[in-house]
Amino acid sequence: MEFKDYYKILGVDADADDKAIKAAYRRLARKYHPDVSAEEGAEDKFKELSEAYEVLKDTDKRAQYDLVRQQGGAGPFRPPPGWESSGGGAGGAEFEGGFSDFFDEIFGQARHGSRQGYSRQHFARRGEDVELTLAIFLEDAYRGESRTISYEVPGFDEQGRLLRQQRTLKVKIPAGVIEGERIRLKGQGAPGIGDAPAGDLYLQIRFAPHPLYLVEGADLTVTVPIAPWEAALGCKLPVPTLDGLINLTVPANSQNGKRMRIRGKGLGKDDKRGDLYAVLHVTMPTTAGAKEQALWRQLSDESSFDPRDNWGKS
């Protein structure tokens, strides 16, 4: 069956208040009432108006209808998943023949002439899940941290109109989370309808860019500048980790780009923590005094090393 846009039928906006809805109904009802109207199709039009007003004048019905409308009420109508109708009816129609099948599908119109007053408890629909992206620093992911977040969930005002509700929540970020991980906060999503539970809030972790580290899953990579003589002679270098500085032993004759693994200094849980990789970057001095230049010349004269010995050879 086709979706019925009750707001369009009454010619009002979706945020119209009760006064505007009532005024629109009275104006159109006078125009299309079968006892006074000579227009073709007036009776069907009046039935549509009465049905639309029956829903939009009632806070609970309007809230239910807005929820269905939010689900994408266009084209063939299907009740959204989790929707339950009691089979008990809503208020009486002002015309013989009752309301439409669309109304019946939502509100469970009674089949045998008795109408038992609608109640929100007749309907149960779990609240929507809400998914947010949470950007955090690597240090927060490593140690765990509390963050205060603000987000919106769909809700209804006292007139049953659909609106967005602002929420603020303090969230504990568990130590060891990695990028892309989803944290579930049960019951912190959109409120449920009737006795149905609220939805959940899912926080998808994203890392803010870091000035030192590149992130590869649970592993981290840091580039470590090293002087040519340190690479040639070997040395101990201070390397920053998320725990603080450590001394890294660099073997003699280390090459530029050498990748050194430091176990257990990456991200993740204690029993499955990733590694930190230190990548050596041999850095030349930008200036050299006369004595330094003399030493470079002495090295050049005495060394037999040819960096292009195998260059270009297959």
Protein backbone atom coordinates (compact mmCIF):
# COMPACT_ATOMS: atom_id res chain seq x y z
CA MET A 1 0.00 0.00 0.00
CA GLU A 2 1.08 3.59 -0.55
CA PHE A 3 2.35 5.76 2.28
CA LYS A 4 -0.06 8.54 3.34
CA ASP A 5 1.47 11.91 4.11
CA TYR A 6 -0.98 13.26 6.67
CA TYR A 7 0.81 16.61 6.85
CA LYS A 8 0.45 17.08 3.11
CA ILE A 9 -3.22 16.04 3.25
CA LEU A 10 -3.92 18.79 5.81
CA GLY A 11 -1.59 21.22 4.08
CA VAL A 12 0.60 21.88 7.13
CA ASP A 13 4.30 21.61 7.87
CA ALA A 14 5.69 18.67 9.82
CA ASP A 15 6.47 20.98 12.74
CA ALA A 16 2.99 22.53 12.84
CA ASP A 17 1.55 22.98 16.32
CA ASP A 18 -1.84 21.72 17.52
CA LYS A 19 -3.54 25.03 16.78
CA ALA A 20 -2.39 25.08 13.14
CA ILE A 21 -3.43 21.44 12.63
CA LYS A 22 -6.88 22.04 14.09
CA ALA A 23 -7.41 25.18 12.01
CA ALA A 24 -6.36 23.43 8.80
CA TYR A 25 -8.68 20.51 9.47
CA ARG A 26 -11.69 22.72 10.21
CA ARG A 27 -11.15 24.80 7.09
CA LEU A 28 -10.83 21.78 4.79
CA ALA A 29 -13.57 19.78 6.52
CA ARG A 30 -16.06 22.59 5.83
CA LYS A 31 -15.02 22.55 2.20
CA TYR A 32 -15.24 18.78 1.63
CA HIS A 33 -17.94 17.58 4.04
CA PRO A 34 -20.26 15.31 1.99
CA ASP A 35 -23.38 17.05 3.35
CA VAL A 36 -22.39 20.43 1.95
CA SER A 37 -19.80 19.88 -0.80
CA ALA A 38 -20.72 19.40 -4.42
CA GLU A 39 -17.12 18.76 -5.50
CA GLU A 40 -16.30 15.45 -7.15
CA GLY A 41 -14.60 13.04 -4.74
CA ALA A 42 -15.52 15.17 -1.73
CA GLU A 43 -16.46 12.16 0.40
CA ASP A 44 -13.10 10.44 -0.18
CA LYS A 45 -11.28 13.67 0.46
CA PHE A 46 -13.19 14.19 3.70
CA LYS A 47 -12.29 10.67 4.82
CA GLU A 48 -8.61 11.41 4.19
CA LEU A 49 -8.84 14.66 6.14
CA SER A 50 -10.57 12.97 9.08
CA GLU A 51 -7.98 10.21 9.17
CA ALA A 52 -5.08 12.69 9.02
CA TYR A 53 -6.61 14.78 11.80
CA GLU A 54 -7.30 11.68 13.93
CA VAL A 55 -3.57 10.95 13.91
CA LEU A 56 -2.02 14.42 14.10
CA LYS A 57 -4.27 15.75 16.87
CA ASP A 58 -3.19 12.94 19.22
CA THR A 59 0.26 13.16 20.82
CA ASP A 60 0.92 9.42 20.90
CA LYS A 61 -0.44 8.68 17.44
CA ARG A 62 1.49 11.56 15.97
CA ALA A 63 4.70 10.33 17.60
CA GLN A 64 4.14 6.87 16.13
CA TYR A 65 3.32 8.25 12.70
CA ASP A 66 6.37 10.55 12.71
CA LEU A 67 8.55 7.58 13.49
CA VAL A 68 7.15 5.67 10.51
CA ARG A 69 7.50 8.77 8.34
CA GLN A 70 11.12 9.15 9.40
CA GLN A 71 11.83 5.59 8.25
CA GLY A 72 11.29 6.73 4.68
CA GLY A 73 7.58 6.94 4.10
CA ALA A 74 7.46 7.00 0.32
CA GLY A 75 6.25 4.41 -2.14
CA PRO A 76 4.89 1.07 -0.97
CA PHE A 77 4.51 1.08 2.81
CA ARG A 78 6.01 -1.66 4.97
CA PRO A 79 6.01 -1.37 8.76
CA PRO A 80 9.62 -0.98 9.95
CA PRO A 81 11.35 -3.98 11.56
CA GLY A 82 10.37 -4.45 15.20
CA TRP A 83 7.01 -2.75 14.74
CA GLU A 84 4.20 -4.44 16.62
CA SER A 85 0.51 -3.61 16.50
CA SER A 86 -1.87 -4.78 19.21
CA GLY A 87 -4.80 -5.25 16.87
CA GLY A 88 -6.74 -2.97 19.22
CA GLY A 89 -8.08 0.15 17.63
CA ALA A 90 -7.89 3.88 17.75
CA GLY A 91 -10.54 6.52 18.12
CA GLY A 92 -13.74 6.49 16.10
CA ALA A 93 -14.14 7.82 12.59
CA GLU A 94 -16.73 10.43 11.75
CA PHE A 95 -17.90 8.47 8.74
CA GLU A 96 -19.03 5.00 7.94
CA GLY A 97 -16.42 2.58 6.66
CA GLY A 98 -13.58 3.41 9.07
CA PHE A 99 -10.07 4.49 8.24
CA SER A 100 -7.73 3.30 5.49
CA ASP A 101 -5.62 0.13 5.37
CA PHE A 102 -2.57 2.34 5.90
CA PHE A 103 -3.99 3.59 9.20
CA ASP A 104 -4.98 0.03 10.09
CA GLU A 105 -1.45 -1.23 9.40
CA ILE A 106 0.07 1.27 11.83
CA PHE A 107 -2.51 1.51 14.58
CA GLY A 108 -4.21 -1.91 14.50
CA GLN A 109 -7.76 -0.78 13.85
CA ALA A 110 -10.38 -3.11 15.40
CA ARG A 111 -12.09 -5.48 12.99
CA HIS A 112 -15.54 -5.90 14.49
CA GLY A 113 -16.84 -2.43 15.03
CA SER A 114 -15.46 -1.91 18.56
CA ARG A 115 -12.63 0.60 19.01
CA GLN A 116 -10.58 0.41 22.16
CA GLY A 117 -8.63 3.65 22.50
CA TYR A 118 -5.02 3.78 21.40
CA SER A 119 -2.19 3.55 23.92
CA ARG A 120 1.54 3.91 23.34
CA GLN A 121 1.96 0.63 25.21
CA HIS A 122 0.21 -1.10 22.29
CA PHE A 123 3.32 -0.52 20.24
CA ALA A 124 6.85 -1.59 20.92
CA ARG A 125 9.83 -0.64 18.85
CA ARG A 126 13.43 -0.72 19.98
CA GLY A 127 15.19 2.62 19.79
CA GLU A 128 17.59 3.32 16.97
CA ASP A 129 21.30 2.67 17.40
CA VAL A 130 23.48 5.76 17.12
CA GLU A 131 26.97 5.56 15.60
CA LEU A 132 29.58 8.26 16.08
CA THR A 133 33.24 8.69 15.19
CA LEU A 134 35.42 9.57 18.17
CA ALA A 135 38.83 11.12 17.46
CA ILE A 136 41.36 10.54 20.24
CA PHE A 137 45.10 10.90 20.78
CA LEU A 138 47.40 7.88 20.75
CA GLU A 139 48.31 8.54 24.38
CA ASP A 140 44.62 8.25 25.34
CA ALA A 141 44.33 4.96 23.48
CA TYR A 142 47.47 3.63 25.16
CA ARG A 143 46.62 4.52 28.75
CA GLY A 144 42.82 4.81 28.65
CA GLU A 145 41.08 8.11 29.31
CA SER A 146 37.68 9.61 30.06
CA ARG A 147 36.11 11.94 27.51
CA THR A 148 32.90 13.97 27.56
CA ILE A 149 30.98 13.75 24.29
CA SER A 150 27.82 15.43 22.99
CA TYR A 151 25.53 13.89 20.41
CA GLU A 152 21.93 13.91 19.19
CA VAL A 153 19.24 11.24 19.24
CA PRO A 154 15.73 11.34 17.71
CA GLY A 155 12.89 11.95 20.15
CA PHE A 156 9.47 13.54 20.48
CA ASP A 157 8.22 16.69 22.18
CA GLU A 158 5.05 16.99 24.28
CA GLN A 159 2.95 17.40 21.13
CA GLY A 160 4.40 14.22 19.64
CA ARG A 161 6.48 16.06 17.05
CA LEU A 162 9.73 14.47 15.96
CA LEU A 163 12.82 16.35 17.11
CA ARG A 164 16.51 15.87 17.88
CA GLN A 165 17.51 15.65 21.52
CA GLN A 166 20.97 16.75 22.68
CA ARG A 167 22.80 14.42 25.05
CA THR A 168 26.07 14.77 26.95
CA LEU A 169 27.84 11.68 28.19
CA LYS A 170 31.13 10.96 29.96
CA VAL A 171 32.80 8.01 28.24
CA LYS A 172 35.64 5.86 29.55
CA ILE A 173 37.98 4.92 26.72
CA PRO A 174 39.46 1.52 27.59
CA ALA A 175 43.24 1.26 27.49
CA GLY A 176 44.49 -0.58 24.43
CA VAL A 177 41.89 0.41 21.84
CA ILE A 178 43.09 0.54 18.25
CA GLU A 179 41.90 2.58 15.30
CA GLY A 180 38.64 1.37 13.78
CA GLU A 181 37.54 -0.43 16.96
CA ARG A 182 33.91 0.11 17.98
CA ILE A 183 32.97 0.72 21.60
CA ARG A 184 29.38 -0.20 22.49
CA LEU A 185 27.50 1.75 25.15
CA LYS A 186 24.32 -0.19 25.83
CA GLY A 187 21.09 1.78 26.08
CA GLN A 188 22.66 5.14 25.20
CA GLY A 189 21.09 5.37 21.74
CA ALA A 190 17.64 6.63 20.80
CA PRO A 191 14.80 5.91 23.26
CA GLY A 192 12.47 3.01 22.51
CA ILE A 193 8.73 3.25 21.89
CA GLY A 194 6.35 1.76 24.43
CA ASP A 195 8.06 -0.82 26.60
CA ALA A 196 10.83 -1.47 24.08
CA PRO A 197 14.43 -0.79 25.16
CA ALA A 198 16.57 2.09 23.98
CA GLY A 199 19.09 1.57 21.22
CA ASP A 200 22.84 1.47 21.75
CA LEU A 201 25.55 4.03 21.13
CA TYR A 202 28.55 2.88 19.09
CA LEU A 203 31.76 4.89 19.10
CA GLN A 204 34.17 4.16 16.26
CA ILE A 205 37.72 5.07 17.23
CA ARG A 206 39.81 7.31 15.00
CA PHE A 207 43.27 8.59 15.89
CA ALA A 208 44.23 12.22 15.57
CA PRO A 209 47.43 12.69 13.51
CA HIS A 210 50.53 12.37 15.69
CA PRO A 211 53.75 14.38 15.17
CA LEU A 212 56.01 11.35 15.78
CA TYR A 213 54.24 8.07 15.11
CA LEU A 214 52.69 6.38 12.11
CA VAL A 215 50.01 3.83 13.01
CA GLU A 216 49.70 0.43 11.33
CA GLY A 217 47.04 -1.51 13.22
CA ALA A 218 48.52 -2.13 16.67
CA ASP A 219 52.07 -1.30 15.53
CA LEU A 220 53.72 2.11 15.60
CA THR A 221 56.59 3.46 13.50
CA VAL A 222 58.87 6.31 14.53
CA THR A 223 61.64 7.84 12.41
CA VAL A 224 64.87 8.36 14.39
CA PRO A 225 67.50 10.85 13.08
CA ILE A 226 71.06 9.52 13.41
CA ALA A 227 74.45 11.07 12.59
CA PRO A 228 76.69 9.34 10.00
CA TRP A 229 79.35 8.53 12.62
CA GLU A 230 76.69 7.10 14.97
CA ALA A 231 75.52 4.79 12.21
CA ALA A 232 79.12 3.85 11.36
CA LEU A 233 80.41 3.28 14.88
CA GLY A 234 77.23 2.14 16.61
CA CYS A 235 75.68 3.93 19.56
CA LYS A 236 72.83 4.07 22.05
CA LEU A 237 70.00 6.39 21.02
CA PRO A 238 67.14 7.76 23.16
CA VAL A 239 63.90 6.78 21.42
CA PRO A 240 60.48 8.14 22.52
CA THR A 241 57.72 5.60 23.24
CA LEU A 242 54.23 6.10 24.62
CA ASP A 243 55.69 4.99 27.98
CA GLY A 244 58.60 7.44 27.87
CA LEU A 245 62.18 7.38 26.57
CA ILE A 246 64.15 4.15 26.14
CA ASN A 247 67.77 3.58 25.03
CA LEU A 248 68.02 1.80 21.69
CA THR A 249 71.27 0.03 20.86
CA VAL A 250 72.25 0.73 17.25
CA PRO A 251 74.84 -1.71 15.86
CA ALA A 252 77.91 -0.48 13.99
CA ASN A 253 77.63 -0.02 10.22
CA SER A 254 73.84 0.43 10.35
CA GLN A 255 72.32 1.56 7.06
CA ASN A 256 69.99 4.45 6.42
CA GLY A 257 66.39 3.17 6.61
CA LYS A 258 67.27 0.28 8.93
CA ARG A 259 64.08 -0.82 10.72
CA MET A 260 64.58 -1.88 14.34
CA ARG A 261 61.83 -3.64 16.27
CA ILE A 262 61.03 -2.74 19.88
CA ARG A 263 58.66 -5.40 21.18
CA GLY A 264 55.52 -4.57 23.14
CA LYS A 265 55.71 -0.79 22.77
CA GLY A 266 52.83 -0.45 20.35
CA LEU A 267 49.08 -0.31 20.94
CA GLY A 268 46.59 -2.93 22.05
CA LYS A 269 45.87 -4.92 25.20
CA ASP A 270 48.72 -6.02 27.47
CA ASP A 271 48.65 -9.63 26.29
CA LYS A 272 48.38 -8.65 22.60
CA ARG A 273 50.26 -5.39 22.45
CA GLY A 274 51.80 -4.36 19.14
CA ASP A 275 55.40 -3.32 18.52
CA LEU A 276 57.22 -0.07 17.94
CA TYR A 277 59.51 0.12 14.89
CA ALA A 278 62.36 2.63 14.90
CA VAL A 279 63.48 3.55 11.39
CA LEU A 280 66.98 5.05 11.21
CA HIS A 281 67.37 8.18 9.12
CA VAL A 282 71.02 9.12 8.59
CA THR A 283 71.17 12.89 8.68
CA MET A 284 74.10 14.98 7.42
CA PRO A 285 75.20 18.16 9.19
CA THR A 286 73.99 21.30 7.46
CA THR A 287 77.32 23.08 8.09
CA ALA A 288 80.91 21.95 8.77
CA GLY A 289 83.89 23.84 10.13
CA ALA A 290 87.43 23.60 8.80
CA LYS A 291 88.44 20.86 11.25
CA GLU A 292 85.35 18.78 10.40
CA GLN A 293 86.00 19.17 6.69
CA ALA A 294 89.58 18.00 7.20
CA LEU A 295 88.33 14.87 8.96
CA TRP A 296 85.89 14.14 6.11
CA ARG A 297 88.79 14.52 3.62
CA GLN A 298 90.95 12.18 5.69
CA LEU A 299 88.14 9.62 5.75
CA SER A 300 87.69 10.01 1.99
CA ASP A 301 91.41 9.46 1.38
CA GLU A 302 91.76 6.45 3.63
CA SER A 303 88.48 4.61 2.95
CA SER A 304 88.18 2.11 0.10
CA PHE A 305 84.39 2.13 0.28
CA ASP A 306 82.66 2.85 -3.04
CA PRO A 307 78.91 3.37 -2.59
CA ARG A 308 78.42 2.97 -6.37
CA ASP A 309 80.37 -0.23 -6.74
CA ASN A 310 77.32 -2.28 -7.72
CA TRP A 311 75.20 0.63 -8.87
CA GLY A 312 73.45 0.00 -12.18
CA LYS A 313 74.68 -3.58 -12.40
CA SER A 314 72.19 -6.41 -12.79
